[in-house]
Amino acid sequence: MIVDGRQPNYSEGVTLSELAELLRGYGAYHALNLDGGGSSTLVVAGVDGQPRVLNSPIHTRIPGRERPVATHLGVYITGR
């Protein structure tokens, strides 16, 4: 689950307690918090094979700008 960080007129973010409730609501039992809000970026391969950002990360107060961080989790699925 990705929750965008605080961005005026777009996202108010969530507290860790609110995030836990959201995850429980979707049936999660275990969760891992890698970072908070603004650096969270959900990317998929587009139809052209190029990366496509699905949410709105924020860096230096500019919405849509990805924050350079070293924390990441990659999932690669084969067998379509």
N, C-alpha and C. Protein backbone atom coordinates (compact mmCIF):
# COMPACT_ATOMS: atom_id res chain seq x y z
N MET A 1 0.85 -1.16 0.00
CA MET A 1 0.00 0.00 0.00
C MET A 1 0.90 1.23 0.00
N ILE A 2 0.55 2.19 -0.79
CA ILE A 2 1.26 3.46 -0.85
C ILE A 2 0.29 4.56 -0.44
N VAL A 3 0.72 5.41 0.46
CA VAL A 3 -0.06 6.60 0.83
C VAL A 3 0.83 7.80 0.55
N ASP A 4 0.34 8.70 -0.27
CA ASP A 4 1.11 9.90 -0.59
C ASP A 4 1.28 10.77 0.65
N GLY A 5 2.43 11.44 0.73
CA GLY A 5 2.69 12.37 1.82
C GLY A 5 1.85 13.63 1.70
N ARG A 6 1.93 14.45 2.71
CA ARG A 6 1.14 15.68 2.75
C ARG A 6 1.46 16.58 1.56
N GLN A 7 0.41 16.91 0.81
CA GLN A 7 0.51 17.84 -0.31
C GLN A 7 -0.78 18.65 -0.34
N PRO A 8 -0.68 19.97 -0.24
CA PRO A 8 -1.88 20.80 -0.21
C PRO A 8 -2.83 20.50 -1.36
N ASN A 9 -4.10 20.38 -1.05
CA ASN A 9 -5.18 20.13 -2.03
C ASN A 9 -5.05 18.79 -2.75
N TYR A 10 -4.20 17.88 -2.22
CA TYR A 10 -4.06 16.57 -2.87
C TYR A 10 -4.09 15.43 -1.86
N SER A 11 -3.21 15.48 -0.85
CA SER A 11 -3.12 14.40 0.13
C SER A 11 -2.81 14.97 1.50
N GLU A 12 -3.47 14.43 2.51
CA GLU A 12 -3.17 14.84 3.89
C GLU A 12 -2.29 13.84 4.60
N GLY A 13 -1.90 12.75 3.89
CA GLY A 13 -1.08 11.72 4.49
C GLY A 13 -1.87 10.95 5.54
N VAL A 14 -1.20 10.10 6.30
CA VAL A 14 -1.83 9.35 7.39
C VAL A 14 -0.83 9.20 8.53
N THR A 15 -1.35 8.99 9.71
CA THR A 15 -0.49 8.65 10.84
C THR A 15 -0.22 7.15 10.77
N LEU A 16 0.73 6.66 11.56
CA LEU A 16 0.99 5.22 11.58
C LEU A 16 -0.22 4.45 12.08
N SER A 17 -0.95 5.02 13.03
CA SER A 17 -2.17 4.35 13.52
C SER A 17 -3.22 4.27 12.42
N GLU A 18 -3.40 5.35 11.67
CA GLU A 18 -4.35 5.33 10.56
C GLU A 18 -3.93 4.33 9.49
N LEU A 19 -2.63 4.28 9.22
CA LEU A 19 -2.13 3.33 8.23
C LEU A 19 -2.38 1.89 8.67
N ALA A 20 -2.15 1.61 9.95
CA ALA A 20 -2.40 0.27 10.49
C ALA A 20 -3.86 -0.11 10.31
N GLU A 21 -4.77 0.81 10.58
CA GLU A 21 -6.20 0.52 10.41
C GLU A 21 -6.54 0.27 8.95
N LEU A 22 -5.97 1.05 8.04
CA LEU A 22 -6.21 0.81 6.61
C LEU A 22 -5.74 -0.58 6.22
N LEU A 23 -4.53 -0.94 6.65
CA LEU A 23 -3.99 -2.25 6.31
C LEU A 23 -4.83 -3.38 6.90
N ARG A 24 -5.25 -3.22 8.15
CA ARG A 24 -6.13 -4.24 8.76
C ARG A 24 -7.42 -4.38 7.97
N GLY A 25 -7.94 -3.25 7.51
CA GLY A 25 -9.18 -3.27 6.72
C GLY A 25 -9.04 -4.05 5.43
N TYR A 26 -7.83 -4.14 4.91
CA TYR A 26 -7.57 -4.93 3.70
C TYR A 26 -7.10 -6.34 4.03
N GLY A 27 -7.12 -6.71 5.31
CA GLY A 27 -6.79 -8.07 5.70
C GLY A 27 -5.32 -8.31 6.02
N ALA A 28 -4.53 -7.26 6.11
CA ALA A 28 -3.11 -7.44 6.41
C ALA A 28 -2.92 -7.89 7.86
N TYR A 29 -1.95 -8.74 8.06
CA TYR A 29 -1.60 -9.19 9.40
C TYR A 29 -0.22 -8.66 9.79
N HIS A 30 0.69 -8.64 8.83
CA HIS A 30 2.02 -8.09 9.01
C HIS A 30 2.21 -6.94 8.03
N ALA A 31 3.01 -5.96 8.42
CA ALA A 31 3.30 -4.83 7.52
C ALA A 31 4.71 -4.34 7.80
N LEU A 32 5.28 -3.65 6.83
CA LEU A 32 6.62 -3.10 6.95
C LEU A 32 6.57 -1.67 6.46
N ASN A 33 6.95 -0.73 7.31
CA ASN A 33 6.98 0.68 6.94
C ASN A 33 8.39 1.02 6.49
N LEU A 34 8.57 1.24 5.18
CA LEU A 34 9.90 1.54 4.66
C LEU A 34 10.26 3.01 4.75
N ASP A 35 9.28 3.87 4.67
CA ASP A 35 9.56 5.30 4.71
C ASP A 35 8.24 6.02 4.93
N GLY A 36 8.30 7.29 5.09
CA GLY A 36 7.09 8.04 5.35
C GLY A 36 6.71 8.99 4.24
N GLY A 37 5.61 8.72 3.61
CA GLY A 37 4.93 9.66 2.74
C GLY A 37 5.61 10.15 1.49
N GLY A 38 6.31 11.27 1.58
CA GLY A 38 6.80 11.96 0.40
C GLY A 38 7.73 11.17 -0.49
N SER A 39 8.50 10.26 0.07
CA SER A 39 9.41 9.48 -0.75
C SER A 39 8.78 8.19 -1.27
N SER A 40 7.58 7.88 -0.83
CA SER A 40 6.90 6.66 -1.29
C SER A 40 6.51 6.81 -2.75
N THR A 41 6.96 5.87 -3.57
CA THR A 41 6.69 5.93 -5.00
C THR A 41 6.28 4.56 -5.49
N LEU A 42 5.14 4.47 -6.17
CA LEU A 42 4.66 3.22 -6.74
C LEU A 42 4.86 3.29 -8.25
N VAL A 43 5.68 2.38 -8.76
CA VAL A 43 6.04 2.39 -10.19
C VAL A 43 5.73 1.04 -10.81
N VAL A 44 5.17 1.04 -12.00
CA VAL A 44 4.92 -0.18 -12.76
C VAL A 44 5.53 0.00 -14.15
N ALA A 45 5.68 -1.10 -14.86
CA ALA A 45 6.12 -1.02 -16.25
C ALA A 45 4.91 -0.63 -17.10
N GLY A 46 5.06 0.42 -17.89
CA GLY A 46 3.99 0.83 -18.79
C GLY A 46 3.89 -0.13 -19.97
N VAL A 47 2.90 0.08 -20.81
CA VAL A 47 2.72 -0.79 -21.97
C VAL A 47 3.93 -0.75 -22.91
N ASP A 48 4.69 0.36 -22.84
CA ASP A 48 5.89 0.48 -23.65
C ASP A 48 7.13 -0.07 -22.94
N GLY A 49 6.94 -0.64 -21.74
CA GLY A 49 8.05 -1.19 -20.99
C GLY A 49 8.80 -0.18 -20.14
N GLN A 50 8.43 1.09 -20.27
CA GLN A 50 9.09 2.14 -19.50
C GLN A 50 8.41 2.31 -18.14
N PRO A 51 9.16 2.76 -17.13
CA PRO A 51 8.57 2.96 -15.80
C PRO A 51 7.46 4.01 -15.82
N ARG A 52 6.40 3.73 -15.07
CA ARG A 52 5.28 4.67 -14.97
C ARG A 52 4.95 4.86 -13.50
N VAL A 53 5.06 6.08 -13.00
CA VAL A 53 4.76 6.39 -11.60
C VAL A 53 3.25 6.52 -11.44
N LEU A 54 2.69 5.78 -10.46
CA LEU A 54 1.24 5.77 -10.27
C LEU A 54 0.75 6.70 -9.17
N ASN A 55 1.64 7.22 -8.37
CA ASN A 55 1.21 8.11 -7.30
C ASN A 55 1.92 9.45 -7.43
N SER A 56 1.90 10.25 -6.37
CA SER A 56 2.52 11.58 -6.42
C SER A 56 3.54 11.75 -5.31
N PRO A 57 4.79 11.30 -5.54
CA PRO A 57 5.82 11.57 -4.55
C PRO A 57 6.09 13.07 -4.50
N ILE A 58 6.82 13.52 -3.50
CA ILE A 58 7.12 14.95 -3.41
C ILE A 58 8.54 15.12 -2.87
N HIS A 59 9.28 16.01 -3.51
CA HIS A 59 10.65 16.30 -3.08
C HIS A 59 10.90 17.79 -3.25
N THR A 60 11.54 18.40 -2.30
CA THR A 60 11.80 19.84 -2.27
C THR A 60 10.52 20.64 -2.52
N ARG A 61 9.42 20.11 -1.94
CA ARG A 61 8.10 20.73 -2.01
C ARG A 61 7.53 20.82 -3.42
N ILE A 62 8.04 19.96 -4.31
CA ILE A 62 7.53 19.93 -5.68
C ILE A 62 6.81 18.60 -5.90
N PRO A 63 5.45 18.62 -5.96
CA PRO A 63 4.69 17.39 -6.19
C PRO A 63 5.08 16.73 -7.50
N GLY A 64 5.19 15.41 -7.48
CA GLY A 64 5.55 14.66 -8.67
C GLY A 64 7.04 14.44 -8.84
N ARG A 65 7.83 15.16 -8.07
CA ARG A 65 9.29 14.99 -8.13
C ARG A 65 9.67 13.86 -7.19
N GLU A 66 10.36 12.85 -7.75
CA GLU A 66 10.78 11.71 -6.94
C GLU A 66 11.92 12.10 -6.02
N ARG A 67 11.85 11.61 -4.77
CA ARG A 67 12.89 11.90 -3.79
C ARG A 67 13.99 10.84 -3.91
N PRO A 68 15.25 11.25 -4.00
CA PRO A 68 16.34 10.28 -4.11
C PRO A 68 16.62 9.64 -2.74
N VAL A 69 16.14 8.42 -2.56
CA VAL A 69 16.36 7.67 -1.32
C VAL A 69 16.88 6.28 -1.66
N ALA A 70 17.53 5.65 -0.71
CA ALA A 70 18.11 4.33 -0.95
C ALA A 70 17.18 3.19 -0.56
N THR A 71 16.08 3.48 0.13
CA THR A 71 15.15 2.44 0.55
C THR A 71 14.24 2.06 -0.60
N HIS A 72 14.18 0.78 -0.94
CA HIS A 72 13.27 0.36 -1.99
C HIS A 72 12.91 -1.11 -1.82
N LEU A 73 11.81 -1.47 -2.43
CA LEU A 73 11.37 -2.86 -2.47
C LEU A 73 10.90 -3.12 -3.89
N GLY A 74 11.52 -4.06 -4.55
CA GLY A 74 11.15 -4.37 -5.93
C GLY A 74 10.46 -5.71 -6.02
N VAL A 75 9.45 -5.80 -6.86
CA VAL A 75 8.75 -7.05 -7.12
C VAL A 75 8.71 -7.24 -8.62
N TYR A 76 9.16 -8.40 -9.07
CA TYR A 76 9.18 -8.71 -10.48
C TYR A 76 8.31 -9.96 -10.69
N ILE A 77 7.32 -9.86 -11.54
CA ILE A 77 6.39 -10.97 -11.76
C ILE A 77 6.55 -11.46 -13.19
N THR A 78 6.67 -12.77 -13.35
CA THR A 78 6.80 -13.37 -14.68
C THR A 78 5.61 -14.28 -14.93
N GLY A 79 5.51 -14.77 -16.15
CA GLY A 79 4.51 -15.77 -16.49
C GLY A 79 3.14 -15.19 -16.82
N ARG A 80 3.13 -14.15 -17.60
CA ARG A 80 1.84 -13.55 -18.00
C ARG A 80 1.10 -14.42 -18.94
